[in-house]
Each structure stands twice: as structure tokens, then as C-alpha cells.
Amino acid sequence: MKKLLLASAAVVMTAGAAAADNANVNFGGYVRFGAQYNSAPPVGVTGKVTLEKRIRLNIDISKMSDSGIEMGARIRMQGDENAMTAGNGANAYVKANGFTLRVGNIVGAIESMPGLYAADVGLTGLNFDDLVTNVVGANLGTATPYASYWNWDAYSSTGTGSNGVEAIYTAGGFTAHLSHSTLNGVSGDNQTAGFLAYTFGDWTVAVAHQTSDTAGNKKTVLTVGGKLGDFNVGLAGADNDGVKKYTVHGSYTMSALTVNGYIATEDTSGVDTSYGVGAAYDIGGASLIGGVAKQPTGDTRADFGIKFSF
């Protein structure tokens, strides 16, 4: 606790000094808490029902140079079922004329492509089986069926991250994103990804591809999302190094209540069709959120709780 208080005081003093030098320091994030159910809890977890809690604090720093170039950085503190982690890797960037260059704990092209997370349900995402980039594949029937999940670069909340480099360009409705990292810091273990996206009216189409020296990490992804009347709808498909997966999803908002759901299928023998439904109710400044999902292994997950952003 003393270390956290000292760190917080240091951040506040640093923010004051930065503001005096025409820099901006912004704090934001979210808090969620509740309970979750897993019909097949992982090894080491006692009981099918467990508490869920997380606080995420992003510290974003930015400054505009006299020549019109924006410079900035991000670092994150997060506490959840693990201990509070204050030592995650930061990233830094420069931005000008629609072009951004970022290094360090990068976001990653696959991770940030439009539509990838559009089908999420529940307070926690319920294992994110809706993502077409998450496949059970050859791991089905093993002690670690989800070993091939999350095999792309993404900002790490609990570690140093990819320690890579990425470039993003936006102009009107067009976005291009290219990222590269050396996996595990091992020379020759390279991973490169990119996406192109275009928004026209209420619709966005994105296509991405990832190459990798690591077996099973190659991907080609397509997402399409938009509005049909009062409904938000979308579909996604991916070829994950030979394992294909498809997802369709939709949501509908009625006043303060939003209901959503998805169906996902993977072309691996023995893998069940997965699906999930969720709901969020806005109580003013926070939301009651819950969901239930059937996993590709046939197990069931569910959660319920409160979430608010700041």
C-alpha cells in the first residue's frame, strides 16, 4: 500500500510538472466486479462459481511540438484476480498528418482491427470464444484446449508486451495498420500483421493478415459490421493457419437495455458450435452486465456484475 501511495503521489507531481511544460496527462479506465460461473473450472480453481473483479487505470501522456508533431506514451496499472501489476511495459508514439508510429508495448494490427471484438458478450467476454482468431484446433481434447488463443500481438496489461513497432495511417474512412514484433525476444522468431479498413455510412469492412515464424500463428481475417434498421449486425471469418472459423452476431438496444448474441463455428472435427447471449442495462454512470455462453468444448460459462468507466 505504501508503495502504491508513493507511486500515486509521484504520478500527480509529474502530471503537474508536465502540464507546466504544455503536456497533457490523462487518467482513464474502468472498474468491474461481480461473479462468474464455469461448468469446467481450470486446474487450480476451486468451485464452479468465483468472484470477478478488475480495476484498470491507463495513464496517457501527450505533448504537441512547435512543428505540429504530437508525441505521447501510455502505461497501465491493473488489478484483478492476480495482484496489482504496476510494472507493465509502456509504449511511446509520434503522430502527424494522420500517421502514427508507436514502439514498445504495441496494440497490434490484428488486435485493433475493426469488428474483431464486436460479438463479445457478458461482463468478462466469457473466454472470447466469439473471436474468429481464437481456435481450439489441434488442442481439442488436451489439458489445454485454448492454448492457441491470443496468438497475436496485443497490449499487455501484466507484462512487457510485444516490444514491437507499428504504423497506423488514417484518412477519411480509410485506415491502414502494420505491426511487427520479435516473439519472446528471440532473433528469427518474427511476427508481422496488418489490416486495411474502410467505413462508408453505417458500415465498416476490414481485412487483416498475419505472418509468423511460429507454427499455427498465421492468420487471414475478414470482418463486416453495420446497421440494419434498429439492429447492429456483423459477421467475421478467419483462416488460422488452415483452421477456419466463422461468427455471426447482432445486438438491439431498447432504451437503457441492450441485448446481444453470437453464433460461432470452427471446422475442426469434434468442436461444438459455440454461442452466447448477453445483456447490459444502463443505470446511469454504470451498467449491469451479464451473459451466458456455450464453449466450443461443450462447457458453459456465465457471468454477471457491474461495470463503470472513468
Protein backbone atom coordinates (compact mmCIF):
# COMPACT_ATOMS: atom_id res chain seq x y z
CA MET A 1 0.00 0.00 0.00
CA LYS A 2 2.82 2.43 0.87
CA LYS A 3 4.46 1.75 -2.48
CA LEU A 4 1.17 2.38 -4.29
CA LEU A 5 0.61 5.67 -2.42
CA LEU A 6 4.16 6.82 -3.17
CA ALA A 7 3.74 5.89 -6.83
CA SER A 8 0.43 7.76 -7.00
CA ALA A 9 1.97 10.85 -5.41
CA ALA A 10 4.84 10.71 -7.88
CA VAL A 11 2.41 10.49 -10.80
CA VAL A 12 0.45 13.50 -9.52
CA MET A 13 3.61 15.60 -9.11
CA THR A 14 4.83 14.51 -12.53
CA ALA A 15 1.47 15.47 -14.04
CA GLY A 16 1.79 18.96 -12.57
CA ALA A 17 5.28 19.39 -13.96
CA ALA A 18 4.19 18.08 -17.37
CA ALA A 19 1.21 20.43 -17.52
CA ALA A 20 3.55 23.37 -16.90
CA ASP A 21 5.53 22.24 -19.95
CA ASN A 22 2.42 22.20 -22.22
CA ALA A 23 1.95 18.44 -21.88
CA ASN A 24 -1.26 16.58 -21.03
CA VAL A 25 -1.54 13.72 -18.55
CA ASN A 26 -4.87 11.90 -18.62
CA PHE A 27 -6.16 9.13 -16.36
CA GLY A 28 -8.87 6.75 -17.51
CA GLY A 29 -10.02 3.17 -17.38
CA TYR A 30 -12.77 1.07 -15.86
CA VAL A 31 -13.85 -0.95 -12.83
CA ARG A 32 -15.85 -4.17 -12.96
CA PHE A 33 -16.92 -6.63 -10.29
CA GLY A 34 -19.36 -9.49 -9.92
CA ALA A 35 -19.33 -13.28 -10.21
CA GLN A 36 -18.69 -15.84 -12.92
CA TYR A 37 -19.61 -19.50 -13.46
CA ASN A 38 -17.60 -22.16 -15.28
CA SER A 39 -19.01 -25.68 -15.63
CA ALA A 40 -15.44 -26.99 -16.10
CA PRO A 41 -13.18 -24.79 -13.94
CA PRO A 42 -9.48 -24.83 -14.90
CA VAL A 43 -6.90 -26.70 -12.85
CA GLY A 44 -6.18 -24.88 -9.61
CA VAL A 45 -9.59 -23.22 -9.36
CA THR A 46 -11.83 -24.46 -6.55
CA GLY A 47 -15.55 -24.33 -7.27
CA LYS A 48 -17.57 -23.52 -10.35
CA VAL A 49 -18.55 -20.04 -9.11
CA THR A 50 -15.85 -17.46 -8.45
CA LEU A 51 -15.72 -13.74 -7.75
CA GLU A 52 -14.78 -11.40 -10.59
CA LYS A 53 -13.07 -8.06 -10.01
CA ARG A 54 -10.83 -5.75 -12.01
CA ILE A 55 -9.64 -2.18 -11.93
CA ARG A 56 -7.76 -0.82 -14.93
CA LEU A 57 -6.01 2.55 -14.88
CA ASN A 58 -4.49 3.94 -18.08
CA ILE A 59 -2.04 6.81 -17.82
CA ASP A 60 -1.78 8.65 -21.15
CA ILE A 61 0.77 11.40 -21.74
CA SER A 62 0.81 13.64 -24.81
CA LYS A 63 2.55 16.80 -25.96
CA MET A 64 2.40 18.85 -29.16
CA SER A 65 5.69 20.12 -30.58
CA ASP A 66 6.08 23.57 -32.10
CA SER A 67 6.27 21.90 -35.51
CA GLY A 68 2.84 20.27 -35.08
CA ILE A 69 4.00 16.75 -34.23
CA GLU A 70 2.15 15.02 -31.37
CA MET A 71 4.26 12.87 -29.06
CA GLY A 72 2.93 10.64 -26.34
CA ALA A 73 3.06 7.46 -24.29
CA ARG A 74 0.84 5.04 -22.35
CA ILE A 75 1.40 2.89 -19.29
CA ARG A 76 -1.22 0.88 -17.40
CA MET A 77 -1.89 -0.32 -13.88
CA GLN A 78 -4.29 -3.22 -13.43
CA GLY A 79 -5.51 -5.30 -10.51
CA ASP A 80 -7.79 -8.34 -10.83
CA GLU A 81 -7.74 -11.98 -9.73
CA ASN A 82 -4.00 -11.53 -9.91
CA ALA A 83 -2.14 -8.98 -7.81
CA MET A 84 -1.96 -5.31 -8.78
CA THR A 85 0.55 -5.01 -11.61
CA ALA A 86 2.33 -1.68 -11.85
CA GLY A 87 5.25 -2.87 -13.98
CA ASN A 88 3.69 -3.46 -17.38
CA GLY A 89 5.56 -2.26 -20.42
CA ALA A 90 4.83 1.22 -21.77
CA ASN A 91 4.60 2.37 -25.35
CA ALA A 92 5.54 5.68 -26.94
CA TYR A 93 4.41 7.28 -30.19
CA VAL A 94 4.69 10.20 -32.59
CA LYS A 95 1.73 11.37 -34.68
CA ALA A 96 1.32 13.83 -37.54
CA ASN A 97 -0.93 14.25 -40.61
CA GLY A 98 -2.93 11.08 -39.92
CA PHE A 99 0.19 8.94 -39.46
CA THR A 100 1.14 7.32 -36.11
CA LEU A 101 4.35 5.47 -35.29
CA ARG A 102 4.32 3.56 -31.98
CA VAL A 103 7.00 1.42 -30.29
CA GLY A 104 7.17 -0.75 -27.16
CA ASN A 105 4.10 -2.46 -25.72
CA ILE A 106 2.21 -2.08 -29.00
CA VAL A 107 -1.51 -2.60 -29.60
CA GLY A 108 -1.02 -4.80 -32.67
CA ALA A 109 -2.80 -4.78 -36.03
CA ILE A 110 -4.96 -7.89 -35.52
CA GLU A 111 -5.95 -6.78 -32.02
CA SER A 112 -7.10 -3.34 -33.13
CA MET A 113 -8.85 -4.22 -36.41
CA PRO A 114 -12.49 -3.06 -36.54
CA GLY A 115 -15.09 -5.72 -35.78
CA LEU A 116 -12.81 -8.24 -34.09
CA TYR A 117 -14.46 -7.83 -30.67
CA ALA A 118 -17.91 -6.80 -31.90
CA ALA A 119 -19.57 -10.07 -30.83
CA ASP A 120 -18.40 -10.06 -27.18
CA VAL A 121 -21.00 -10.94 -24.54
CA GLY A 122 -21.08 -10.71 -20.76
CA LEU A 123 -19.10 -8.81 -18.15
CA THR A 124 -15.81 -10.58 -18.90
CA GLY A 125 -16.14 -11.73 -22.52
CA LEU A 126 -16.72 -15.32 -21.33
CA ASN A 127 -13.45 -16.66 -22.75
CA PHE A 128 -13.94 -14.72 -26.01
CA ASP A 129 -14.92 -17.80 -27.99
CA ASP A 130 -16.67 -15.41 -30.40
CA LEU A 131 -13.34 -14.19 -31.79
CA VAL A 132 -12.64 -15.87 -35.14
CA THR A 133 -8.93 -15.61 -34.34
CA ASN A 134 -9.36 -17.91 -31.29
CA VAL A 135 -9.49 -21.57 -32.34
CA VAL A 136 -9.28 -24.83 -30.41
CA GLY A 137 -7.89 -26.71 -33.41
CA ALA A 138 -5.37 -29.44 -32.59
CA ASN A 139 -5.64 -28.70 -28.86
CA LEU A 140 -9.14 -30.18 -28.59
CA GLY A 141 -9.23 -32.99 -26.03
CA THR A 142 -5.99 -31.91 -24.35
CA ALA A 143 -5.49 -30.42 -20.89
CA THR A 144 -5.02 -27.01 -22.54
CA PRO A 145 -7.68 -26.79 -25.29
CA TYR A 146 -7.30 -23.00 -25.51
CA ALA A 147 -3.53 -22.99 -25.99
CA SER A 148 -3.91 -21.45 -29.46
CA TYR A 149 -5.98 -18.50 -28.21
CA TRP A 150 -4.47 -14.97 -28.25
CA ASN A 151 -1.62 -15.85 -30.62
CA TRP A 152 -1.26 -12.30 -31.99
CA ASP A 153 0.31 -9.09 -30.71
CA ALA A 154 -1.76 -7.07 -28.23
CA TYR A 155 -1.14 -4.53 -25.48
CA SER A 156 -0.18 -6.41 -22.32
CA SER A 157 -1.70 -5.30 -19.01
CA THR A 158 0.52 -7.54 -16.91
CA GLY A 159 3.88 -7.74 -18.70
CA THR A 160 6.31 -6.04 -21.01
CA GLY A 161 4.19 -6.78 -24.08
CA SER A 162 5.36 -7.39 -27.62
CA ASN A 163 8.10 -4.73 -27.50
CA GLY A 164 7.44 -4.19 -31.19
CA VAL A 165 6.77 -1.39 -33.65
CA GLU A 166 3.60 -0.39 -35.50
CA ALA A 167 2.48 2.23 -38.01
CA ILE A 168 -1.10 3.45 -38.47
CA TYR A 169 -2.46 5.76 -41.16
CA THR A 170 -5.99 7.20 -41.28
CA ALA A 171 -7.61 9.39 -43.92
CA GLY A 172 -11.37 9.90 -44.02
CA GLY A 173 -13.00 6.47 -43.75
CA PHE A 174 -9.78 4.61 -44.57
CA THR A 175 -7.39 3.07 -42.02
CA ALA A 176 -4.21 1.03 -42.55
CA HIS A 177 -2.26 -0.58 -39.71
CA LEU A 178 1.02 -2.53 -39.84
CA SER A 179 2.72 -4.09 -36.80
CA HIS A 180 5.85 -6.17 -36.22
CA SER A 181 7.39 -7.91 -33.22
CA THR A 182 10.04 -10.46 -32.38
CA LEU A 183 8.22 -13.07 -30.32
CA ASN A 184 9.72 -13.87 -26.93
CA GLY A 185 12.67 -11.64 -27.79
CA VAL A 186 14.20 -14.46 -29.85
CA SER A 187 16.02 -13.48 -33.04
CA GLY A 188 14.35 -15.01 -36.08
CA ASP A 189 11.04 -15.56 -34.25
CA ASN A 190 9.24 -12.76 -36.11
CA GLN A 191 5.57 -11.88 -36.39
CA THR A 192 4.13 -9.28 -38.78
CA ALA A 193 0.47 -8.28 -39.19
CA GLY A 194 -1.54 -5.64 -40.98
CA PHE A 195 -5.11 -4.62 -41.71
CA LEU A 196 -6.96 -2.36 -44.13
CA ALA A 197 -10.37 -0.98 -43.16
CA TYR A 198 -12.93 1.30 -44.78
CA THR A 199 -16.03 2.89 -43.26
CA PHE A 200 -18.89 4.01 -45.50
CA GLY A 201 -22.05 5.25 -43.84
CA ASP A 202 -23.04 2.84 -41.06
CA TRP A 203 -20.85 0.00 -42.35
CA THR A 204 -17.20 -0.95 -41.87
CA VAL A 205 -15.27 -3.63 -43.74
CA ALA A 206 -11.82 -4.77 -42.61
CA VAL A 207 -9.35 -7.40 -43.83
CA ALA A 208 -6.18 -8.46 -41.99
CA HIS A 209 -3.30 -10.87 -42.44
CA GLN A 210 -0.58 -12.10 -40.09
CA THR A 211 2.61 -13.96 -40.92
CA SER A 212 4.72 -15.62 -38.25
CA ASP A 213 7.71 -17.87 -37.76
CA THR A 214 5.71 -19.69 -35.07
CA ALA A 215 3.61 -22.62 -36.29
CA GLY A 216 -0.12 -22.02 -36.04
CA ASN A 217 0.10 -18.22 -35.79
CA LYS A 218 -0.56 -17.36 -39.45
CA LYS A 219 -3.98 -15.71 -39.97
CA THR A 220 -6.21 -14.10 -42.56
CA VAL A 221 -9.25 -12.30 -41.14
CA LEU A 222 -12.31 -10.57 -42.61
CA THR A 223 -14.90 -8.57 -40.62
CA VAL A 224 -18.04 -6.76 -41.76
CA GLY A 225 -20.30 -4.78 -39.45
CA GLY A 226 -23.05 -2.18 -39.62
CA LYS A 227 -26.71 -1.35 -39.01
CA LEU A 228 -29.92 -2.83 -40.37
CA GLY A 229 -32.69 -0.61 -39.09
CA ASP A 230 -32.51 -0.69 -35.27
CA PHE A 231 -30.16 -3.68 -35.22
CA ASN A 232 -26.36 -3.75 -35.19
CA VAL A 233 -25.22 -6.79 -37.15
CA GLY A 234 -21.95 -8.28 -38.28
CA LEU A 235 -20.07 -11.30 -39.48
CA ALA A 236 -16.45 -12.39 -39.40
CA GLY A 237 -14.34 -15.18 -40.80
CA ALA A 238 -10.74 -16.27 -40.46
CA ASP A 239 -8.28 -18.84 -41.72
CA ASN A 240 -6.00 -19.62 -38.77
CA ASP A 241 -3.15 -21.48 -40.43
CA GLY A 242 -5.61 -23.91 -42.01
CA VAL A 243 -8.28 -23.86 -39.28
CA LYS A 244 -11.31 -21.86 -40.44
CA LYS A 245 -13.77 -20.16 -38.11
CA TYR A 246 -16.86 -18.03 -38.72
CA THR A 247 -19.02 -15.85 -36.46
CA VAL A 248 -22.32 -14.00 -36.95
CA HIS A 249 -23.59 -11.59 -34.32
CA GLY A 250 -26.17 -8.92 -33.61
CA SER A 251 -27.45 -6.54 -30.96
CA TYR A 252 -30.54 -4.47 -30.25
CA THR A 253 -30.99 -1.51 -27.89
CA MET A 254 -34.29 -0.64 -26.21
CA SER A 255 -33.97 2.50 -24.10
CA ALA A 256 -31.46 1.62 -21.35
CA LEU A 257 -31.28 -2.11 -22.24
CA THR A 258 -29.00 -3.64 -24.88
CA VAL A 259 -29.25 -7.33 -25.80
CA ASN A 260 -26.65 -9.08 -27.96
CA GLY A 261 -25.64 -12.53 -29.11
CA TYR A 262 -23.42 -14.55 -31.45
CA ILE A 263 -23.00 -17.97 -33.07
CA ALA A 264 -19.54 -19.25 -33.99
CA THR A 265 -18.39 -22.36 -35.77
CA GLU A 266 -14.94 -23.87 -36.33
CA ASP A 267 -14.10 -26.53 -38.94
CA THR A 268 -12.28 -28.81 -36.50
CA SER A 269 -13.71 -32.30 -36.05
CA GLY A 270 -15.32 -32.70 -32.63
CA VAL A 271 -15.61 -28.97 -31.94
CA ASP A 272 -19.12 -27.86 -30.96
CA THR A 273 -20.81 -24.78 -32.38
CA SER A 274 -20.38 -22.10 -29.74
CA TYR A 275 -22.86 -19.37 -28.98
CA GLY A 276 -23.58 -16.73 -26.39
CA VAL A 277 -26.18 -14.18 -25.33
CA GLY A 278 -25.73 -11.16 -23.12
CA ALA A 279 -27.43 -8.04 -21.84
CA ALA A 280 -26.38 -4.68 -20.43
CA TYR A 281 -28.64 -2.26 -18.54
CA ASP A 282 -27.55 1.35 -18.10
CA ILE A 283 -28.24 2.51 -14.54
CA GLY A 284 -26.72 5.94 -15.09
CA GLY A 285 -22.96 6.17 -14.80
CA ALA A 286 -22.61 2.39 -14.68
CA SER A 287 -24.10 -0.74 -16.25
CA LEU A 288 -25.41 -4.07 -15.01
CA ILE A 289 -23.93 -6.64 -17.39
CA GLY A 290 -24.34 -10.38 -17.71
CA GLY A 291 -24.16 -13.21 -20.18
CA VAL A 292 -24.03 -16.94 -20.78
CA ALA A 293 -22.05 -18.83 -23.44
CA LYS A 294 -21.55 -22.38 -24.62
CA GLN A 295 -17.89 -23.03 -25.42
CA PRO A 296 -16.55 -25.00 -28.40
CA THR A 297 -15.59 -27.79 -25.97
CA GLY A 298 -19.24 -28.06 -24.84
CA ASP A 299 -18.67 -26.42 -21.45
CA THR A 300 -20.77 -23.48 -20.21
CA ARG A 301 -19.71 -20.12 -18.83
CA ALA A 302 -21.79 -17.30 -17.36
CA ASP A 303 -21.19 -14.04 -15.51
CA PHE A 304 -22.99 -11.06 -14.01
CA GLY A 305 -21.87 -7.82 -12.40
CA ILE A 306 -21.40 -4.07 -12.57
CA LYS A 307 -19.04 -2.05 -14.74
CA PHE A 308 -18.29 1.64 -14.91
CA SER A 309 -15.72 3.69 -16.78
CA PHE A 310 -13.85 6.79 -15.69
